[in-house]
Amino acid sequence: MKQTPTLRMTIGSSDCDVLGHMNSAVYFAACNKAGFAMQSAIGWAPGEANKGRRYSFAVVRSEADFLAEVSEGQVLLIYVGISKIGTKSAAFENLLTLEDGTVVFRSTWHSVLMDLDTRQSVTIPDDFRTALEGRMISA
């Protein structure tokens, strides 16, 4: 995934567990935060209306690989890209690296577009699809 990081974060003591490394839940929280930042950057801020539509993606399946430990004080760069866009769904590729480029985590989130008012999946509208296509990467 060659692109600009979507999010940068420094790991604090509250991000670490009793084993002395970043807790697995923090990896997913970082990907979630970066995904929302990416969606906001393309003009579809989660929870906010875009032309009267309040849409956001909801993860329905996740695949993850934990590749290296992360410790307190280390800085993570989180990258989010899209590898596939379907009728109502998209596959989001998340990559977490240390500042030196060491890959520590990667995951694929298979997500459906949800209307936040009806709580139902919806077809990705053309204007949203065009915005998403600008974030396409090779998986």
C-alpha atoms as a PDB file:
ATOM      1  CA  MET A   1       0.000   0.000   0.000  1.00  0.00           C
ATOM      2  CA  LYS A   2       1.893   3.070  -1.211  1.00  0.00           C
ATOM      3  CA  GLN A   3       0.084   6.193  -0.102  1.00  0.00           C
ATOM      4  CA  THR A   4       0.043   8.871   2.540  1.00  0.00           C
ATOM      5  CA  PRO A   5      -0.795   7.651   6.053  1.00  0.00           C
ATOM      6  CA  THR A   6      -4.403   8.246   6.993  1.00  0.00           C
ATOM      7  CA  LEU A   7      -3.571   8.558  10.682  1.00  0.00           C
ATOM      8  CA  ARG A   8      -0.520   8.811  12.936  1.00  0.00           C
ATOM      9  CA  MET A   9      -0.603   7.858  16.613  1.00  0.00           C
ATOM     10  CA  THR A  10       1.836   7.520  19.490  1.00  0.00           C
ATOM     11  CA  ILE A  11       1.200   4.522  21.721  1.00  0.00           C
ATOM     12  CA  GLY A  12       0.535   5.425  25.341  1.00  0.00           C
ATOM     13  CA  SER A  13       0.567   3.320  28.486  1.00  0.00           C
ATOM     14  CA  SER A  14      -3.235   2.964  28.352  1.00  0.00           C
ATOM     15  CA  ASP A  15      -2.882   1.314  24.910  1.00  0.00           C
ATOM     16  CA  CYS A  16      -0.747  -1.466  26.390  1.00  0.00           C
ATOM     17  CA  ASP A  17      -1.853  -4.497  28.354  1.00  0.00           C
ATOM     18  CA  VAL A  18      -0.297  -6.498  31.199  1.00  0.00           C
ATOM     19  CA  LEU A  19       1.914  -8.290  28.671  1.00  0.00           C
ATOM     20  CA  GLY A  20       3.712  -4.998  28.008  1.00  0.00           C
ATOM     21  CA  HIS A  21       2.649  -4.449  24.418  1.00  0.00           C
ATOM     22  CA  MET A  22      -0.187  -2.759  22.556  1.00  0.00           C
ATOM     23  CA  ASN A  23      -3.448  -4.585  23.223  1.00  0.00           C
ATOM     24  CA  SER A  24      -5.115  -6.242  20.219  1.00  0.00           C
ATOM     25  CA  ALA A  25      -8.232  -4.101  20.645  1.00  0.00           C
ATOM     26  CA  VAL A  26      -6.143  -0.970  20.007  1.00  0.00           C
ATOM     27  CA  TYR A  27      -5.116  -2.249  16.545  1.00  0.00           C
ATOM     28  CA  PHE A  28      -8.778  -2.490  15.566  1.00  0.00           C
ATOM     29  CA  ALA A  29      -9.634   0.855  17.174  1.00  0.00           C
ATOM     30  CA  ALA A  30      -6.812   2.512  15.194  1.00  0.00           C
ATOM     31  CA  CYS A  31      -8.102   1.013  11.940  1.00  0.00           C
ATOM     32  CA  ASN A  32     -11.632   2.136  12.769  1.00  0.00           C
ATOM     33  CA  LYS A  33     -10.492   5.690  13.522  1.00  0.00           C
ATOM     34  CA  ALA A  34      -8.394   5.805  10.336  1.00  0.00           C
ATOM     35  CA  GLY A  35     -11.298   4.441   8.271  1.00  0.00           C
ATOM     36  CA  PHE A  36     -13.590   7.174   9.569  1.00  0.00           C
ATOM     37  CA  ALA A  37     -10.883   9.768   8.821  1.00  0.00           C
ATOM     38  CA  MET A  38     -10.541   8.443   5.268  1.00  0.00           C
ATOM     39  CA  GLN A  39     -14.306   8.513   4.755  1.00  0.00           C
ATOM     40  CA  SER A  40     -14.436  12.089   6.067  1.00  0.00           C
ATOM     41  CA  ALA A  41     -11.566  13.095   3.760  1.00  0.00           C
ATOM     42  CA  ILE A  42     -13.558  12.013   0.719  1.00  0.00           C
ATOM     43  CA  GLY A  43     -16.593  14.029   1.791  1.00  0.00           C
ATOM     44  CA  TRP A  44     -18.660  11.334   3.493  1.00  0.00           C
ATOM     45  CA  ALA A  45     -18.157  11.962   7.197  1.00  0.00           C
ATOM     46  CA  PRO A  46     -19.728   9.088   9.166  1.00  0.00           C
ATOM     47  CA  GLY A  47     -22.911  10.187  10.897  1.00  0.00           C
ATOM     48  CA  GLU A  48     -23.192  13.418   8.904  1.00  0.00           C
ATOM     49  CA  ALA A  49     -25.580  13.978   6.020  1.00  0.00           C
ATOM     50  CA  ASN A  50     -24.311  14.218   2.444  1.00  0.00           C
ATOM     51  CA  LYS A  51     -27.115  15.456   0.179  1.00  0.00           C
ATOM     52  CA  GLY A  52     -29.570  14.279   2.823  1.00  0.00           C
ATOM     53  CA  ARG A  53     -28.058  10.778   3.070  1.00  0.00           C
ATOM     54  CA  ARG A  54     -26.434   9.565   6.295  1.00  0.00           C
ATOM     55  CA  TYR A  55     -24.367   6.605   5.119  1.00  0.00           C
ATOM     56  CA  SER A  56     -21.402   4.795   6.570  1.00  0.00           C
ATOM     57  CA  PHE A  57     -19.734   1.434   6.179  1.00  0.00           C
ATOM     58  CA  ALA A  58     -20.189  -1.298   8.774  1.00  0.00           C
ATOM     59  CA  VAL A  59     -17.715  -4.165   9.057  1.00  0.00           C
ATOM     60  CA  VAL A  60     -19.311  -7.574   8.537  1.00  0.00           C
ATOM     61  CA  ARG A  61     -16.126  -9.670   8.253  1.00  0.00           C
ATOM     62  CA  SER A  62     -12.523  -9.071   9.233  1.00  0.00           C
ATOM     63  CA  GLU A  63      -9.247 -10.841   8.520  1.00  0.00           C
ATOM     64  CA  ALA A  64      -6.173  -9.775  10.499  1.00  0.00           C
ATOM     65  CA  ASP A  65      -2.493 -10.561  10.828  1.00  0.00           C
ATOM     66  CA  PHE A  66      -0.523  -9.391  13.864  1.00  0.00           C
ATOM     67  CA  LEU A  67       3.062  -9.257  12.618  1.00  0.00           C
ATOM     68  CA  ALA A  68       5.125  -7.538  15.320  1.00  0.00           C
ATOM     69  CA  GLU A  69       4.818  -6.174  18.841  1.00  0.00           C
ATOM     70  CA  VAL A  70       4.239  -2.487  19.451  1.00  0.00           C
ATOM     71  CA  SER A  71       5.385  -0.879  22.695  1.00  0.00           C
ATOM     72  CA  GLU A  72       4.579   2.276  24.624  1.00  0.00           C
ATOM     73  CA  GLY A  73       6.125   5.353  23.033  1.00  0.00           C
ATOM     74  CA  GLN A  74       6.319   3.917  19.520  1.00  0.00           C
ATOM     75  CA  VAL A  75       4.663   5.852  16.701  1.00  0.00           C
ATOM     76  CA  LEU A  76       2.290   4.062  14.322  1.00  0.00           C
ATOM     77  CA  LEU A  77       1.322   5.120  10.827  1.00  0.00           C
ATOM     78  CA  ILE A  78      -2.054   3.786   9.759  1.00  0.00           C
ATOM     79  CA  TYR A  79      -2.889   3.454   6.069  1.00  0.00           C
ATOM     80  CA  VAL A  80      -6.368   2.708   4.699  1.00  0.00           C
ATOM     81  CA  GLY A  81      -7.116   1.843   1.092  1.00  0.00           C
ATOM     82  CA  ILE A  82      -9.887   0.096  -0.812  1.00  0.00           C
ATOM     83  CA  SER A  83      -9.216  -3.102  -2.762  1.00  0.00           C
ATOM     84  CA  LYS A  84     -12.736  -3.855  -4.004  1.00  0.00           C
ATOM     85  CA  ILE A  85     -16.023  -2.034  -4.444  1.00  0.00           C
ATOM     86  CA  GLY A  86     -19.216  -4.005  -4.954  1.00  0.00           C
ATOM     87  CA  THR A  87     -22.865  -3.001  -5.267  1.00  0.00           C
ATOM     88  CA  LYS A  88     -23.426  -2.473  -1.535  1.00  0.00           C
ATOM     89  CA  SER A  89     -20.022  -3.363  -0.142  1.00  0.00           C
ATOM     90  CA  ALA A  90     -16.320  -2.584  -0.181  1.00  0.00           C
ATOM     91  CA  ALA A  91     -13.130  -4.219   1.069  1.00  0.00           C
ATOM     92  CA  PHE A  92     -10.913  -1.925   3.123  1.00  0.00           C
ATOM     93  CA  GLU A  93      -7.209  -2.724   3.493  1.00  0.00           C
ATOM     94  CA  ASN A  94      -5.618  -1.524   6.732  1.00  0.00           C
ATOM     95  CA  LEU A  95      -1.874  -1.406   7.232  1.00  0.00           C
ATOM     96  CA  LEU A  96      -0.088  -0.347  10.419  1.00  0.00           C
ATOM     97  CA  THR A  97       3.624   0.381  10.316  1.00  0.00           C
ATOM     98  CA  LEU A  98       6.207   1.844  12.626  1.00  0.00           C
ATOM     99  CA  GLU A  99       7.858   5.079  11.498  1.00  0.00           C
ATOM    100  CA  ASP A 100      10.767   3.091  10.042  1.00  0.00           C
ATOM    101  CA  GLY A 101       8.361   1.206   7.749  1.00  0.00           C
ATOM    102  CA  THR A 102       8.214  -2.030   9.737  1.00  0.00           C
ATOM    103  CA  VAL A 103       4.789  -3.580   9.133  1.00  0.00           C
ATOM    104  CA  VAL A 104       3.222  -4.567  12.449  1.00  0.00           C
ATOM    105  CA  PHE A 105      -0.377  -5.333  11.448  1.00  0.00           C
ATOM    106  CA  ARG A 106      -2.518  -5.759   8.375  1.00  0.00           C
ATOM    107  CA  SER A 107      -6.191  -6.472   8.013  1.00  0.00           C
ATOM    108  CA  THR A 108      -8.973  -6.568   5.473  1.00  0.00           C
ATOM    109  CA  TRP A 109     -12.398  -5.367   6.502  1.00  0.00           C
ATOM    110  CA  HIS A 110     -15.316  -6.467   4.355  1.00  0.00           C
ATOM    111  CA  SER A 111     -17.973  -3.830   4.936  1.00  0.00           C
ATOM    112  CA  VAL A 112     -21.468  -2.983   3.754  1.00  0.00           C
ATOM    113  CA  LEU A 113     -22.808   0.519   3.231  1.00  0.00           C
ATOM    114  CA  MET A 114     -25.491   1.246   5.764  1.00  0.00           C
ATOM    115  CA  ASP A 115     -28.156   3.928   5.868  1.00  0.00           C
ATOM    116  CA  LEU A 116     -27.775   5.219   9.421  1.00  0.00           C
ATOM    117  CA  ASP A 117     -31.433   6.256   9.601  1.00  0.00           C
ATOM    118  CA  THR A 118     -33.056   3.018   8.392  1.00  0.00           C
ATOM    119  CA  ARG A 119     -30.224   0.778   9.701  1.00  0.00           C
ATOM    120  CA  GLN A 120     -30.365  -1.160   6.408  1.00  0.00           C
ATOM    121  CA  SER A 121     -27.726  -1.819   3.776  1.00  0.00           C
ATOM    122  CA  VAL A 122     -27.992   0.360   0.665  1.00  0.00           C
ATOM    123  CA  THR A 123     -26.545   0.464  -2.828  1.00  0.00           C
ATOM    124  CA  ILE A 124     -23.452   2.647  -3.047  1.00  0.00           C
ATOM    125  CA  PRO A 125     -24.582   5.836  -4.842  1.00  0.00           C
ATOM    126  CA  ASP A 126     -22.569   6.918  -7.887  1.00  0.00           C
ATOM    127  CA  ASP A 127     -21.109  10.012  -6.204  1.00  0.00           C
ATOM    128  CA  PHE A 128     -19.951   7.981  -3.196  1.00  0.00           C
ATOM    129  CA  ARG A 129     -18.538   5.265  -5.505  1.00  0.00           C
ATOM    130  CA  THR A 130     -16.542   7.895  -7.415  1.00  0.00           C
ATOM    131  CA  ALA A 131     -15.101   9.220  -4.147  1.00  0.00           C
ATOM    132  CA  LEU A 132     -14.213   5.684  -3.030  1.00  0.00           C
ATOM    133  CA  GLU A 133     -12.551   4.870  -6.347  1.00  0.00           C
ATOM    134  CA  GLY A 134     -10.033   7.616  -5.588  1.00  0.00           C
ATOM    135  CA  ARG A 135      -8.781   5.450  -2.685  1.00  0.00           C
ATOM    136  CA  MET A 136      -8.435   2.204  -4.665  1.00  0.00           C
ATOM    137  CA  ILE A 137      -5.215   0.229  -4.172  1.00  0.00           C
ATOM    138  CA  SER A 138      -3.845  -3.150  -5.190  1.00  0.00           C
ATOM    139  CA  ALA A 139      -4.419  -5.650  -2.386  1.00  0.00           C
END
